[in-house]
Amino acid sequence: MQYQDNFNPTISDEDVFGQIVKEKELIGYYNLASCDTSAYKEYASSVKQKNIVVMGIGGSTLGTYAIYKFLKHSKKLSKKLYFLETTDPIDIKSKIERIDLNDALFIVISKSGTTVETISIFKYINSLITCDKHNTLVITESDSKLNAYAKANDIKSFDIPKNVGGRFSVFSAVGLVPLAIVGIDIDKILAGTKEVHDSFFAQGETYSRVVKKARFFVENKSCFNINVVFSYSSRLEGFNKWYIQLWGESLGKIDVDGTKQGLTPIGIIGPIDQHSFLQLIVEGRRDKTLSVIKVEHFDNNLVIPQIKLEGLEELDYLDNIEFSSLINKQADATIECINNLQDIPCDVMTIDSVSEKSIASLMYEYELLTSVCAKFMYIDAYNQPGVEAGKIILKQKLKIAK
């Protein structure tokens, strides 16, 4: 008897881990935790401009923005970082009006080197000021047309490895160079990724929680298809945006059996969204998991003052409470509310402080979680044919319009 099938039974944790270890030889983001930062720091120390303007979209900017947004109010940074990442003309104009273009370094980031949004913005900047080797840096693949442009104009460039996808590239030159330039310690960033990397591949605590969480998400995706990240700090707004791209673009795929797969990411901020989305979570359909992210130490001692407000005396219990304590108690109240219902899957991740290591550890763990989910789903986490199809259509429409 001859027999052939395409059945895909749930694979074991050991098999998934073995596939990840094998994939590590081909997919470059895993190894960025150990990359050499000396060239990045040397270049960063040479930059004299005070305004650092990053032109890119998606993976070229979201990760960098996430780290910068998280850290910028806790660090005495020597320079300001701006992001030009949309073709919205109002956004472009309003941001450029705030930048001294004569005291700016323009960083053009595009893995392919032909990203329509990025090159469009770069063209516009060139109409306002001469972009040359003195005020421009390129970050792209070594054989891209953008890199050829940089070489032809004697413009400094850094390479994006071919085996590092855009949405997984924050710990490459894409993120580390702009962050180093503005004064963020990129060695501490990589220390955070290295700690998570080592724990995962030694099958330590990180391995246990990542594989358990990924398995739950995939095995219950028909019921709980929406994964909500509820971040209790406005500083994590950039992380939420980065997570949405990472999750959506990596996991919305067709599997080996031709079945459409996907987990839907949502990122919300506490306590703001307690007054909107939490209502939907608590009394809405049971189709959502919840991951609450807290910050244990905000490095900020802002206190609610002891001020009497006539008619509001019943709220005097707020007096002398630190705002950092208040927001964490709000998070704890949400967590307790969810757990009391006993029918909403929920986990809690607590960042120990506002630091390079903390945000990098969180982001690298989410990259690993994405990769493991993809293995359980029998999909390729690293391509994006749906996005590429849209890019082809856009270019055709623009050429016809000419």
Protein backbone atom coordinates (compact mmCIF):
# COMPACT_ATOMS: atom_id res chain seq x y z
CA MET A 1 0.00 0.00 0.00
CA GLN A 2 1.20 3.49 -0.82
CA TYR A 3 0.14 6.31 1.42
CA GLN A 4 0.56 10.08 1.26
CA ASP A 5 -0.97 12.83 3.38
CA ASN A 6 -0.61 16.48 4.25
CA PHE A 7 -1.97 16.27 7.80
CA ASN A 8 -0.31 18.59 10.27
CA PRO A 9 -0.93 17.42 13.81
CA THR A 10 0.14 19.69 16.64
CA ILE A 11 3.88 19.39 17.04
CA SER A 12 5.70 19.04 20.33
CA ASP A 13 7.57 21.81 22.11
CA GLU A 14 10.79 19.93 21.47
CA ASP A 15 10.13 19.78 17.73
CA VAL A 16 9.34 23.49 17.60
CA PHE A 17 12.49 24.33 19.51
CA GLY A 18 14.52 22.15 17.17
CA GLN A 19 13.08 24.00 14.19
CA ILE A 20 13.91 27.37 15.77
CA VAL A 21 17.50 26.25 16.45
CA LYS A 22 17.80 25.15 12.82
CA GLU A 23 16.19 28.36 11.58
CA LYS A 24 18.70 30.36 13.61
CA GLU A 25 21.34 29.40 11.05
CA LEU A 26 19.34 31.11 8.27
CA ILE A 27 17.31 33.91 9.85
CA GLY A 28 19.58 36.73 10.94
CA TYR A 29 17.62 38.53 13.63
CA TYR A 30 18.30 35.80 16.20
CA ASN A 31 22.02 36.60 16.13
CA LEU A 32 21.77 40.40 16.28
CA ALA A 33 21.98 40.11 20.06
CA SER A 34 25.71 39.50 19.64
CA CYS A 35 26.47 42.00 16.89
CA ASP A 36 29.53 44.26 17.00
CA THR A 37 28.51 47.87 17.71
CA SER A 38 31.92 49.51 17.40
CA ALA A 39 31.38 50.91 13.89
CA TYR A 40 27.98 52.29 14.87
CA LYS A 41 29.36 54.04 17.96
CA GLU A 42 32.34 55.41 16.06
CA TYR A 43 30.07 56.95 13.44
CA ALA A 44 27.66 58.24 16.09
CA SER A 45 30.45 60.08 17.88
CA SER A 46 31.32 61.93 14.66
CA VAL A 47 27.83 63.38 14.10
CA LYS A 48 27.70 67.08 14.95
CA GLN A 49 24.12 67.86 13.92
CA LYS A 50 21.54 68.28 16.66
CA ASN A 51 18.50 67.14 14.65
CA ILE A 52 18.46 63.53 13.47
CA VAL A 53 15.79 62.93 10.83
CA VAL A 54 14.93 59.32 10.01
CA MET A 55 13.14 58.68 6.72
CA GLY A 56 11.57 55.24 6.49
CA ILE A 57 8.35 53.32 7.01
CA GLY A 58 7.23 50.20 8.84
CA GLY A 59 10.14 48.12 10.07
CA SER A 60 12.57 50.87 9.14
CA THR A 61 11.20 53.18 11.84
CA LEU A 62 8.72 51.52 14.20
CA GLY A 63 11.26 49.67 16.33
CA THR A 64 13.54 52.68 16.66
CA TYR A 65 10.58 54.88 17.54
CA ALA A 66 9.43 52.34 20.17
CA ILE A 67 12.77 52.47 22.00
CA TYR A 68 13.19 56.24 21.62
CA LYS A 69 9.64 56.92 22.81
CA PHE A 70 10.17 54.70 25.85
CA LEU A 71 13.46 56.28 26.90
CA LYS A 72 13.58 59.89 25.73
CA HIS A 73 12.03 61.51 28.82
CA SER A 74 14.33 59.60 31.19
CA LYS A 75 17.60 60.31 29.41
CA LYS A 76 19.54 63.51 28.92
CA LEU A 77 19.89 63.05 25.20
CA SER A 78 22.26 65.24 23.24
CA LYS A 79 20.16 65.33 20.07
CA LYS A 80 16.54 65.11 18.93
CA LEU A 81 15.21 62.28 16.79
CA TYR A 82 12.48 62.91 14.22
CA PHE A 83 10.63 60.40 12.05
CA LEU A 84 9.33 61.12 8.55
CA GLU A 85 7.38 57.96 7.78
CA THR A 86 4.17 58.91 6.04
CA THR A 87 3.24 60.50 2.74
CA ASP A 88 0.56 62.57 4.47
CA PRO A 89 1.51 66.08 3.27
CA ILE A 90 0.21 67.78 6.43
CA ASP A 91 2.33 65.53 8.63
CA ILE A 92 5.42 66.08 6.48
CA LYS A 93 5.04 69.84 6.45
CA SER A 94 4.28 70.19 10.16
CA LYS A 95 7.29 68.09 11.17
CA ILE A 96 9.73 69.81 8.82
CA GLU A 97 8.64 73.21 10.13
CA ARG A 98 9.97 72.17 13.56
CA ILE A 99 13.38 71.04 12.27
CA ASP A 100 16.39 73.22 11.59
CA LEU A 101 17.34 71.63 8.27
CA ASN A 102 20.73 73.33 8.33
CA ASP A 103 21.56 71.50 11.54
CA ALA A 104 20.17 68.11 10.60
CA LEU A 105 21.44 64.66 9.66
CA PHE A 106 19.12 62.84 7.29
CA ILE A 107 19.05 59.05 7.67
CA VAL A 108 17.42 57.26 4.75
CA ILE A 109 16.40 53.71 5.66
CA SER A 110 15.01 51.21 3.18
CA LYS A 111 15.88 47.54 3.10
CA SER A 112 14.97 47.19 -0.58
CA GLY A 113 16.25 50.65 -1.41
CA THR A 114 13.17 51.41 -3.52
CA THR A 115 10.47 52.00 -0.91
CA VAL A 116 8.04 54.48 -2.50
CA GLU A 117 7.19 56.35 0.71
CA THR A 118 10.81 56.73 1.78
CA ILE A 119 12.20 57.84 -1.57
CA SER A 120 9.28 60.26 -2.06
CA ILE A 121 10.09 61.98 1.23
CA PHE A 122 13.82 61.96 0.44
CA LYS A 123 13.10 63.65 -2.89
CA TYR A 124 11.13 66.34 -1.09
CA ILE A 125 13.89 66.94 1.45
CA ASN A 126 16.32 67.31 -1.45
CA SER A 127 14.14 70.09 -2.84
CA LEU A 128 14.58 72.02 0.42
CA ILE A 129 18.26 71.43 1.11
CA THR A 130 21.19 69.74 -0.56
CA CYS A 131 21.58 66.20 0.79
CA ASP A 132 25.17 65.05 0.47
CA LYS A 133 27.93 63.22 2.31
CA HIS A 134 28.04 65.92 4.98
CA ASN A 135 24.43 65.59 6.14
CA THR A 136 23.11 62.24 4.87
CA LEU A 137 23.41 58.61 5.93
CA VAL A 138 21.94 55.59 4.14
CA ILE A 139 20.95 52.27 5.74
CA THR A 140 19.99 49.61 3.22
CA GLU A 141 20.98 46.28 1.68
CA SER A 142 24.45 46.23 0.16
CA ASP A 143 23.23 45.59 -3.40
CA SER A 144 20.23 47.93 -3.42
CA LYS A 145 19.76 50.88 -5.77
CA LEU A 146 19.79 53.16 -2.73
CA ASN A 147 23.23 51.88 -1.79
CA ALA A 148 24.41 52.44 -5.36
CA TYR A 149 23.13 56.02 -5.03
CA ALA A 150 25.06 56.43 -1.78
CA LYS A 151 28.28 55.16 -3.31
CA ALA A 152 27.90 57.37 -6.37
CA ASN A 153 27.54 60.40 -4.09
CA ASP A 154 30.19 59.37 -1.54
CA ILE A 155 27.52 59.08 1.17
CA LYS A 156 28.18 56.92 4.21
CA SER A 157 26.07 53.75 4.39
CA PHE A 158 25.42 50.87 6.77
CA ASP A 159 24.25 47.46 5.66
CA ILE A 160 21.01 45.67 6.51
CA PRO A 161 21.78 41.94 6.29
CA LYS A 162 19.71 40.15 3.66
CA ASN A 163 18.58 37.54 6.16
CA VAL A 164 17.15 40.15 8.55
CA GLY A 165 13.59 41.16 7.70
CA GLY A 166 12.53 44.76 8.10
CA ARG A 167 10.15 44.21 11.01
CA PHE A 168 12.85 42.18 12.80
CA SER A 169 15.62 44.72 12.12
CA VAL A 170 15.49 47.07 15.11
CA PHE A 171 18.61 45.53 16.68
CA SER A 172 20.62 46.00 13.48
CA ALA A 173 21.99 49.26 12.09
CA VAL A 174 18.36 50.23 11.37
CA GLY A 175 17.72 50.94 15.04
CA LEU A 176 21.11 50.99 16.71
CA VAL A 177 22.70 53.72 14.57
CA PRO A 178 20.01 56.42 15.05
CA LEU A 179 19.70 55.55 18.74
CA ALA A 180 23.48 55.71 19.27
CA ILE A 181 23.64 59.09 17.53
CA VAL A 182 21.12 60.69 19.91
CA GLY A 183 22.94 59.33 22.96
CA ILE A 184 21.18 56.07 23.88
CA ASP A 185 23.47 53.29 25.11
CA ILE A 186 23.15 50.63 22.43
CA ASP A 187 25.38 48.19 24.30
CA LYS A 188 22.80 48.15 27.09
CA ILE A 189 20.13 47.53 24.47
CA LEU A 190 21.99 44.49 23.20
CA ALA A 191 22.62 43.33 26.76
CA GLY A 192 18.85 43.08 27.12
CA THR A 193 18.46 41.08 23.92
CA LYS A 194 21.39 38.83 24.81
CA GLU A 195 19.91 37.96 28.19
CA VAL A 196 16.62 36.91 26.59
CA HIS A 197 18.40 35.12 23.74
CA ASP A 198 20.55 33.08 26.10
CA SER A 199 17.66 32.20 28.39
CA PHE A 200 15.56 31.02 25.46
CA PHE A 201 18.20 28.94 23.71
CA ALA A 202 19.34 27.42 27.02
CA GLN A 203 15.66 26.46 27.48
CA GLY A 204 15.40 28.56 30.60
CA GLU A 205 12.54 30.73 31.90
CA THR A 206 12.17 32.67 28.64
CA TYR A 207 11.84 29.44 26.66
CA SER A 208 9.18 28.10 29.02
CA ARG A 209 6.92 31.14 28.93
CA VAL A 210 7.36 31.88 25.21
CA VAL A 211 6.58 28.34 24.07
CA LYS A 212 3.67 27.99 26.51
CA LYS A 213 2.17 31.30 25.37
CA ALA A 214 2.68 30.58 21.68
CA ARG A 215 1.13 27.13 21.96
CA PHE A 216 -1.91 28.55 23.76
CA PHE A 217 -2.40 31.28 21.15
CA VAL A 218 -2.20 28.85 18.25
CA GLU A 219 -4.20 25.99 19.75
CA ASN A 220 -6.98 28.41 20.76
CA LYS A 221 -6.90 30.70 17.73
CA SER A 222 -10.35 29.64 16.57
CA CYS A 223 -11.79 30.95 19.86
CA PHE A 224 -9.35 33.68 20.88
CA ASN A 225 -8.24 35.16 17.59
CA ILE A 226 -7.55 38.68 18.89
CA ASN A 227 -4.45 39.32 20.98
CA VAL A 228 -4.66 42.56 22.97
CA VAL A 229 -1.53 44.13 24.45
CA PHE A 230 -2.62 46.50 27.26
CA SER A 231 0.42 48.65 28.08
CA TYR A 232 0.19 50.64 31.31
CA SER A 233 2.48 53.47 30.30
CA SER A 234 2.17 56.07 27.58
CA ARG A 235 5.87 55.47 26.93
CA LEU A 236 4.93 52.09 25.47
CA GLU A 237 2.75 53.61 22.74
CA GLY A 238 5.60 53.11 20.27
CA PHE A 239 6.04 49.51 21.38
CA ASN A 240 2.35 48.87 20.73
CA LYS A 241 2.65 50.14 17.16
CA TRP A 242 5.75 48.04 16.58
CA TYR A 243 4.03 44.94 17.99
CA ILE A 244 1.03 45.41 15.71
CA GLN A 245 3.22 45.36 12.61
CA LEU A 246 5.36 42.48 13.85
CA TRP A 247 2.38 40.32 14.76
CA GLY A 248 0.09 41.17 11.85
CA GLU A 249 2.63 41.02 9.03
CA SER A 250 4.34 37.90 10.37
CA LEU A 251 1.33 35.77 11.31
CA GLY A 252 -1.31 36.71 8.74
CA LYS A 253 -0.34 34.03 6.23
CA ILE A 254 -1.43 30.98 4.26
CA ASP A 255 -0.11 27.77 5.83
CA VAL A 256 1.38 24.69 4.15
CA ASP A 257 -2.12 23.24 3.63
CA GLY A 258 -3.34 26.39 1.87
CA THR A 259 -5.41 27.48 4.89
CA LYS A 260 -5.57 31.18 5.74
CA GLN A 261 -4.10 31.79 9.17
CA GLY A 262 -3.67 34.83 11.36
CA LEU A 263 -3.84 36.32 14.82
CA THR A 264 -5.14 39.88 15.12
CA PRO A 265 -2.99 42.30 17.17
CA ILE A 266 -4.42 45.22 19.11
CA GLY A 267 -2.35 47.62 21.21
CA ILE A 268 -4.00 49.83 23.82
CA ILE A 269 -2.71 52.13 26.57
CA GLY A 270 -3.74 52.16 30.21
CA PRO A 271 -5.38 53.79 31.96
CA ILE A 272 -6.68 55.73 28.94
CA ASP A 273 -8.33 52.76 27.26
CA GLN A 274 -9.91 51.50 30.47
CA HIS A 275 -12.67 53.89 29.51
CA SER A 276 -13.25 52.32 26.10
CA PHE A 277 -11.70 49.02 25.15
CA LEU A 278 -11.85 47.48 28.62
CA GLN A 279 -15.64 47.55 28.44
CA LEU A 280 -15.46 45.53 25.23
CA ILE A 281 -13.06 43.04 26.81
CA VAL A 282 -15.14 42.55 29.95
CA GLU A 283 -18.64 42.31 28.49
CA GLY A 284 -17.96 41.70 24.81
CA ARG A 285 -17.38 38.47 22.90
CA ARG A 286 -14.88 36.05 24.34
CA ASP A 287 -12.54 36.20 21.35
CA LYS A 288 -9.63 38.11 22.92
CA THR A 289 -6.56 37.28 24.98
CA LEU A 290 -5.05 40.03 27.12
CA SER A 291 -1.37 40.70 27.83
CA VAL A 292 -0.91 43.44 30.41
CA ILE A 293 2.48 45.19 30.46
CA LYS A 294 3.43 47.13 33.59
CA VAL A 295 6.45 49.26 34.50
CA GLU A 296 7.57 48.57 38.06
CA HIS A 297 9.81 51.61 38.51
CA PHE A 298 9.06 54.75 36.48
CA ASP A 299 12.08 56.66 37.85
CA ASN A 300 9.71 59.53 38.54
CA ASN A 301 8.38 60.64 41.93
CA LEU A 302 5.60 63.00 40.80
CA VAL A 303 3.04 63.10 43.61
CA ILE A 304 -0.64 64.01 43.78
CA PRO A 305 -0.54 67.11 46.01
CA GLN A 306 -2.52 67.47 49.22
CA ILE A 307 -4.89 70.15 47.99
CA LYS A 308 -8.42 70.64 49.24
CA LEU A 309 -11.05 70.94 46.51
CA GLU A 310 -14.43 72.04 47.82
CA GLY A 311 -17.06 69.43 47.13
CA LEU A 312 -14.51 66.74 46.30
CA GLU A 313 -13.38 65.90 49.82
CA GLU A 314 -14.35 62.25 49.39
CA LEU A 315 -11.37 61.90 47.03
CA ASP A 316 -8.83 63.13 49.58
CA TYR A 317 -7.54 59.55 49.79
CA LEU A 318 -5.62 60.41 46.61
CA ASP A 319 -3.43 62.91 48.47
CA ASN A 320 0.32 62.19 48.52
CA ILE A 321 0.06 59.13 46.28
CA GLU A 322 2.77 58.96 43.60
CA PHE A 323 1.40 58.88 40.08
CA SER A 324 3.61 55.85 39.35
CA SER A 325 1.89 54.03 42.21
CA LEU A 326 -1.53 55.12 40.99
CA ILE A 327 -1.05 53.83 37.45
CA ASN A 328 0.23 50.48 38.71
CA LYS A 329 -2.74 50.14 41.06
CA GLN A 330 -4.98 50.87 38.06
CA ALA A 331 -3.24 48.07 36.18
CA ASP A 332 -3.62 45.72 39.15
CA ALA A 333 -7.33 46.54 39.40
CA THR A 334 -7.78 45.71 35.71
CA ILE A 335 -5.88 42.44 36.11
CA GLU A 336 -7.96 41.45 39.15
CA CYS A 337 -11.17 42.36 37.32
CA ILE A 338 -10.19 40.16 34.36
CA ASN A 339 -9.05 37.25 36.52
CA ASN A 340 -12.27 37.35 38.54
CA LEU A 341 -14.22 36.62 35.36
CA GLN A 342 -12.24 33.39 34.85
CA ASP A 343 -12.97 33.19 31.12
CA ILE A 344 -10.52 35.67 29.57
CA PRO A 345 -6.95 34.41 28.99
CA CYS A 346 -4.59 36.95 30.57
CA ASP A 347 -0.89 37.22 31.33
CA VAL A 348 1.13 40.01 32.94
CA MET A 349 4.62 41.17 31.96
CA THR A 350 6.33 43.60 34.34
CA ILE A 351 9.22 45.73 33.11
CA ASP A 352 11.55 46.45 36.00
CA SER A 353 12.49 50.00 34.97
CA VAL A 354 12.61 52.60 32.23
CA SER A 355 15.92 51.48 30.74
CA GLU A 356 17.55 50.34 27.51
CA LYS A 357 17.79 46.79 28.78
CA SER A 358 14.13 46.59 29.79
CA ILE A 359 12.60 47.69 26.50
CA ALA A 360 15.06 45.63 24.45
CA SER A 361 14.30 42.50 26.47
CA LEU A 362 10.57 42.99 25.95
CA MET A 363 10.93 43.53 22.20
CA TYR A 364 13.30 40.62 21.63
CA GLU A 365 10.99 38.30 23.55
CA TYR A 366 8.10 39.36 21.31
CA GLU A 367 10.21 38.60 18.26
CA LEU A 368 10.85 35.11 19.62
CA LEU A 369 7.16 34.70 20.45
CA THR A 370 6.26 35.61 16.88
CA SER A 371 8.70 33.07 15.44
CA VAL A 372 7.47 30.28 17.71
CA CYS A 373 3.82 31.02 16.91
CA ALA A 374 4.68 30.78 13.22
CA LYS A 375 6.21 27.33 13.73
CA PHE A 376 3.10 26.07 15.49
CA MET A 377 0.99 27.53 12.64
CA TYR A 378 3.14 26.01 9.84
CA ILE A 379 3.68 29.39 8.19
CA ASP A 380 6.62 31.54 7.11
CA ALA A 381 6.94 34.44 9.55
CA TYR A 382 9.45 36.31 7.41
CA ASN A 383 7.78 36.97 4.07
CA GLN A 384 4.89 39.35 3.30
CA PRO A 385 3.37 38.50 -0.09
CA GLY A 386 0.17 40.35 0.73
CA VAL A 387 2.09 43.59 1.26
CA GLU A 388 4.25 43.05 -1.80
CA ALA A 389 1.14 42.60 -3.97
CA GLY A 390 -0.10 46.02 -2.86
CA LYS A 391 3.28 47.59 -3.63
CA ILE A 392 3.18 46.23 -7.18
CA ILE A 393 -0.31 47.62 -7.76
CA LEU A 394 0.73 51.04 -6.36
CA LYS A 395 3.74 51.28 -8.67
CA GLN A 396 1.61 50.33 -11.67
CA LYS A 397 -0.95 53.00 -10.80
CA LEU A 398 1.74 55.66 -10.34
CA LYS A 399 3.36 54.82 -13.67
CA ILE A 400 -0.01 54.97 -15.46
CA ALA A 401 -0.75 58.32 -13.81
CA LYS A 402 2.41 59.73 -15.36
